[in-house]
PDB file of N, CA and C in Angstrom:
ATOM      1  N   UNK A   1       5.949   6.141 -24.886  1.00  0.00           N
ATOM      2  CA  UNK A   1       5.132   6.876 -23.944  1.00  0.00           C
ATOM      3  C   UNK A   1       5.630   6.541 -22.545  1.00  0.00           C
ATOM      4  N   UNK A   2       5.918   7.565 -21.742  1.00  0.00           N
ATOM      5  CA  UNK A   2       6.393   7.366 -20.378  1.00  0.00           C
ATOM      6  C   UNK A   2       5.255   7.180 -19.392  1.00  0.00           C
ATOM      7  N   UNK A   3       5.590   6.691 -18.235  1.00  0.00           N
ATOM      8  CA  UNK A   3       4.624   6.498 -17.164  1.00  0.00           C
ATOM      9  C   UNK A   3       4.447   7.816 -16.419  1.00  0.00           C
ATOM     10  N   UNK A   4       3.222   8.316 -16.338  1.00  0.00           N
ATOM     11  CA  UNK A   4       2.955   9.571 -15.647  1.00  0.00           C
ATOM     12  C   UNK A   4       2.804   9.387 -14.150  1.00  0.00           C
ATOM     13  N   UNK A   5       2.074   8.353 -13.721  1.00  0.00           N
ATOM     14  CA  UNK A   5       1.855   8.105 -12.298  1.00  0.00           C
ATOM     15  C   UNK A   5       1.332   6.690 -12.104  1.00  0.00           C
ATOM     16  N   UNK A   6       1.586   6.146 -10.947  1.00  0.00           N
ATOM     17  CA  UNK A   6       1.047   4.852 -10.561  1.00  0.00           C
ATOM     18  C   UNK A   6      -0.048   5.122  -9.545  1.00  0.00           C
ATOM     19  N   UNK A   7      -1.287   4.834  -9.887  1.00  0.00           N
ATOM     20  CA  UNK A   7      -2.413   5.169  -9.031  1.00  0.00           C
ATOM     21  C   UNK A   7      -2.834   4.034  -8.105  1.00  0.00           C
ATOM     22  N   UNK A   8      -2.658   2.794  -8.536  1.00  0.00           N
ATOM     23  CA  UNK A   8      -3.181   1.675  -7.753  1.00  0.00           C
ATOM     24  C   UNK A   8      -2.489   0.396  -8.177  1.00  0.00           C
ATOM     25  N   UNK A   9      -2.187  -0.439  -7.215  1.00  0.00           N
ATOM     26  CA  UNK A   9      -1.678  -1.764  -7.541  1.00  0.00           C
ATOM     27  C   UNK A   9      -2.046  -2.717  -6.420  1.00  0.00           C
ATOM     28  N   UNK A  10      -2.026  -4.000  -6.714  1.00  0.00           N
ATOM     29  CA  UNK A  10      -2.371  -5.037  -5.756  1.00  0.00           C
ATOM     30  C   UNK A  10      -1.246  -6.050  -5.690  1.00  0.00           C
ATOM     31  N   UNK A  11      -0.893  -6.456  -4.477  1.00  0.00           N
ATOM     32  CA  UNK A  11       0.063  -7.536  -4.294  1.00  0.00           C
ATOM     33  C   UNK A  11      -0.566  -8.568  -3.379  1.00  0.00           C
ATOM     34  N   UNK A  12      -0.100  -9.799  -3.447  1.00  0.00           N
ATOM     35  CA  UNK A  12      -0.562 -10.858  -2.558  1.00  0.00           C
ATOM     36  C   UNK A  12       0.640 -11.403  -1.797  1.00  0.00           C
ATOM     37  N   UNK A  13       1.026 -10.742  -0.711  1.00  0.00           N
ATOM     38  CA  UNK A  13       2.201 -11.187   0.041  1.00  0.00           C
ATOM     39  C   UNK A  13       1.919 -12.448   0.854  1.00  0.00           C
ATOM     40  N   UNK A  14       2.947 -13.222   1.121  1.00  0.00           N
ATOM     41  CA  UNK A  14       2.773 -14.420   1.950  1.00  0.00           C
ATOM     42  C   UNK A  14       2.648 -14.048   3.425  1.00  0.00           C
ATOM     43  N   UNK A  15       3.160 -12.879   3.822  1.00  0.00           N
ATOM     44  CA  UNK A  15       3.071 -12.409   5.199  1.00  0.00           C
ATOM     45  C   UNK A  15       2.518 -10.981   5.184  1.00  0.00           C
ATOM     46  N   UNK A  16       1.213 -10.865   5.353  1.00  0.00           N
ATOM     47  CA  UNK A  16       0.524  -9.580   5.227  1.00  0.00           C
ATOM     48  C   UNK A  16       1.014  -8.556   6.253  1.00  0.00           C
ATOM     49  N   UNK A  17       1.150  -8.976   7.499  1.00  0.00           N
ATOM     50  CA  UNK A  17       1.569  -8.050   8.559  1.00  0.00           C
ATOM     51  C   UNK A  17       3.001  -7.549   8.326  1.00  0.00           C
ATOM     52  N   UNK A  18       3.857  -8.425   7.894  1.00  0.00           N
ATOM     53  CA  UNK A  18       5.252  -8.025   7.613  1.00  0.00           C
ATOM     54  C   UNK A  18       5.313  -7.059   6.430  1.00  0.00           C
ATOM     55  N   UNK A  19       4.483  -7.283   5.436  1.00  0.00           N
ATOM     56  CA  UNK A  19       4.429  -6.377   4.289  1.00  0.00           C
ATOM     57  C   UNK A  19       3.932  -5.001   4.712  1.00  0.00           C
ATOM     58  N   UNK A  20       2.883  -4.961   5.561  1.00  0.00           N
ATOM     59  CA  UNK A  20       2.373  -3.690   6.060  1.00  0.00           C
ATOM     60  C   UNK A  20       3.452  -2.951   6.839  1.00  0.00           C
ATOM     61  N   UNK A  21       4.168  -3.682   7.701  1.00  0.00           N
ATOM     62  CA  UNK A  21       5.241  -3.066   8.477  1.00  0.00           C
ATOM     63  C   UNK A  21       6.307  -2.464   7.565  1.00  0.00           C
ATOM     64  N   UNK A  22       6.652  -3.146   6.491  1.00  0.00           N
ATOM     65  CA  UNK A  22       7.648  -2.627   5.554  1.00  0.00           C
ATOM     66  C   UNK A  22       7.178  -1.325   4.916  1.00  0.00           C
ATOM     67  N   UNK A  23       5.970  -1.333   4.372  1.00  0.00           N
ATOM     68  CA  UNK A  23       5.466  -0.139   3.692  1.00  0.00           C
ATOM     69  C   UNK A  23       5.287   1.034   4.650  1.00  0.00           C
ATOM     70  N   UNK A  24       4.816   0.760   5.864  1.00  0.00           N
ATOM     71  CA  UNK A  24       4.560   1.846   6.818  1.00  0.00           C
ATOM     72  C   UNK A  24       5.812   2.253   7.587  1.00  0.00           C
ATOM     73  N   UNK A  25       6.532   1.280   8.151  1.00  0.00           N
ATOM     74  CA  UNK A  25       7.667   1.595   9.019  1.00  0.00           C
ATOM     75  C   UNK A  25       8.937   1.932   8.248  1.00  0.00           C
ATOM     76  N   UNK A  26       9.190   1.225   7.166  1.00  0.00           N
ATOM     77  CA  UNK A  26      10.428   1.438   6.412  1.00  0.00           C
ATOM     78  C   UNK A  26      10.260   2.558   5.385  1.00  0.00           C
ATOM     79  N   UNK A  27       9.168   2.510   4.605  1.00  0.00           N
ATOM     80  CA  UNK A  27       8.965   3.509   3.556  1.00  0.00           C
ATOM     81  C   UNK A  27       8.227   4.755   4.048  1.00  0.00           C
ATOM     82  N   UNK A  28       7.622   4.679   5.232  1.00  0.00           N
ATOM     83  CA  UNK A  28       6.950   5.839   5.800  1.00  0.00           C
ATOM     84  C   UNK A  28       5.586   6.132   5.206  1.00  0.00           C
ATOM     85  N   UNK A  29       4.947   5.140   4.581  1.00  0.00           N
ATOM     86  CA  UNK A  29       3.615   5.340   4.027  1.00  0.00           C
ATOM     87  C   UNK A  29       2.576   5.135   5.119  1.00  0.00           C
ATOM     88  N   UNK A  30       1.339   5.534   4.857  1.00  0.00           N
ATOM     89  CA  UNK A  30       0.273   5.448   5.861  1.00  0.00           C
ATOM     90  C   UNK A  30      -0.762   4.404   5.471  1.00  0.00           C
ATOM     91  N   UNK A  31      -1.179   3.592   6.443  1.00  0.00           N
ATOM     92  CA  UNK A  31      -2.200   2.573   6.235  1.00  0.00           C
ATOM     93  C   UNK A  31      -3.570   3.237   6.363  1.00  0.00           C
ATOM     94  N   UNK A  32      -4.406   3.126   5.351  1.00  0.00           N
ATOM     95  CA  UNK A  32      -5.717   3.761   5.354  1.00  0.00           C
ATOM     96  C   UNK A  32      -6.849   2.772   5.561  1.00  0.00           C
ATOM     97  N   UNK A  33      -8.065   3.268   5.474  1.00  0.00           N
ATOM     98  CA  UNK A  33      -9.264   2.440   5.630  1.00  0.00           C
ATOM     99  C   UNK A  33      -9.527   1.649   4.360  1.00  0.00           C
ATOM    100  N   UNK A  34     -10.260   0.569   4.521  1.00  0.00           N
ATOM    101  CA  UNK A  34     -10.699  -0.224   3.375  1.00  0.00           C
ATOM    102  C   UNK A  34     -12.041  -0.844   3.709  1.00  0.00           C
ATOM    103  N   UNK A  35     -12.847  -1.100   2.700  1.00  0.00           N
ATOM    104  CA  UNK A  35     -14.133  -1.749   2.970  1.00  0.00           C
ATOM    105  C   UNK A  35     -13.919  -3.222   3.309  1.00  0.00           C
ATOM    106  N   UNK A  36     -14.861  -3.853   4.016  1.00  0.00           N
ATOM    107  CA  UNK A  36     -14.738  -5.286   4.304  1.00  0.00           C
ATOM    108  C   UNK A  36     -14.937  -6.089   3.017  1.00  0.00           C
ATOM    109  N   UNK A  37     -13.894  -6.744   2.581  1.00  0.00           N
ATOM    110  CA  UNK A  37     -13.942  -7.459   1.311  1.00  0.00           C
ATOM    111  C   UNK A  37     -14.063  -8.969   1.479  1.00  0.00           C
ATOM    112  N   UNK A  38     -14.040  -9.459   2.727  1.00  0.00           N
ATOM    113  CA  UNK A  38     -14.191 -10.887   2.949  1.00  0.00           C
ATOM    114  C   UNK A  38     -12.898 -11.672   2.865  1.00  0.00           C
ATOM    115  N   UNK A  39     -11.763 -11.001   2.802  1.00  0.00           N
ATOM    116  CA  UNK A  39     -10.472 -11.679   2.806  1.00  0.00           C
ATOM    117  C   UNK A  39      -9.461 -10.766   3.503  1.00  0.00           C
ATOM    118  N   UNK A  40      -8.379 -11.335   4.033  1.00  0.00           N
ATOM    119  CA  UNK A  40      -7.395 -10.525   4.732  1.00  0.00           C
ATOM    120  C   UNK A  40      -6.755  -9.504   3.790  1.00  0.00           C
ATOM    121  N   UNK A  41      -6.688  -8.274   4.253  1.00  0.00           N
ATOM    122  CA  UNK A  41      -6.080  -7.224   3.449  1.00  0.00           C
ATOM    123  C   UNK A  41      -5.775  -6.036   4.354  1.00  0.00           C
ATOM    124  N   UNK A  42      -4.928  -5.162   3.872  1.00  0.00           N
ATOM    125  CA  UNK A  42      -4.700  -3.906   4.563  1.00  0.00           C
ATOM    126  C   UNK A  42      -5.304  -2.806   3.718  1.00  0.00           C
ATOM    127  N   UNK A  43      -5.500  -1.649   4.323  1.00  0.00           N
ATOM    128  CA  UNK A  43      -6.126  -0.542   3.613  1.00  0.00           C
ATOM    129  C   UNK A  43      -5.221   0.063   2.581  1.00  0.00           C
ATOM    130  N   UNK A  44      -5.696   1.102   1.986  1.00  0.00           N
ATOM    131  CA  UNK A  44      -4.894   1.841   1.035  1.00  0.00           C
ATOM    132  C   UNK A  44      -3.679   2.393   1.756  1.00  0.00           C
ATOM    133  N   UNK A  45      -2.549   2.184   1.174  1.00  0.00           N
ATOM    134  CA  UNK A  45      -1.326   2.735   1.732  1.00  0.00           C
ATOM    135  C   UNK A  45      -0.920   3.893   0.844  1.00  0.00           C
ATOM    136  N   UNK A  46      -0.790   5.064   1.445  1.00  0.00           N
ATOM    137  CA  UNK A  46      -0.507   6.240   0.622  1.00  0.00           C
ATOM    138  C   UNK A  46       0.479   7.149   1.311  1.00  0.00           C
ATOM    139  N   UNK A  47       0.999   8.025   0.521  1.00  0.00           N
ATOM    140  CA  UNK A  47       1.925   9.044   1.018  1.00  0.00           C
ATOM    141  C   UNK A  47       1.386  10.404   0.618  1.00  0.00           C
ATOM    142  N   UNK A  48       1.550  11.359   1.489  1.00  0.00           N
ATOM    143  CA  UNK A  48       1.140  12.720   1.157  1.00  0.00           C
ATOM    144  C   UNK A  48       2.306  13.641   1.466  1.00  0.00           C
ATOM    145  N   UNK A  49       2.859  14.318   0.555  1.00  0.00           N
ATOM    146  CA  UNK A  49       2.486  14.323  -0.863  1.00  0.00           C
ATOM    147  C   UNK A  49       2.904  13.013  -1.537  1.00  0.00           C
ATOM    148  N   UNK A  50       2.350  12.717  -2.730  1.00  0.00           N
ATOM    149  CA  UNK A  50       2.711  11.487  -3.435  1.00  0.00           C
ATOM    150  C   UNK A  50       4.226  11.371  -3.590  1.00  0.00           C
ATOM    151  N   UNK A  51       4.716  10.135  -3.443  1.00  0.00           N
ATOM    152  CA  UNK A  51       6.146   9.892  -3.519  1.00  0.00           C
ATOM    153  C   UNK A  51       6.447   8.788  -4.501  1.00  0.00           C
ATOM    154  N   UNK A  52       7.624   8.821  -5.044  1.00  0.00           N
ATOM    155  CA  UNK A  52       8.108   7.723  -5.877  1.00  0.00           C
ATOM    156  C   UNK A  52       8.757   6.699  -4.987  1.00  0.00           C
ATOM    157  N   UNK A  53       8.363   5.421  -5.154  1.00  0.00           N
ATOM    158  CA  UNK A  53       9.001   4.337  -4.391  1.00  0.00           C
ATOM    159  C   UNK A  53       9.425   3.246  -5.341  1.00  0.00           C
TER     160      UNK A  53
END
């Protein structure tokens, strides 16, 4: 069975800001809103239209 789509994943980077810069500046994805979860995090990062990365 093949993979149809990747909807959500979580990573725990050692440098959150650098990871955000990579996803947004290098890959061209967009940083979205997120609820306050009580720990450092960035919002949903998405591309429109959906892209393979």
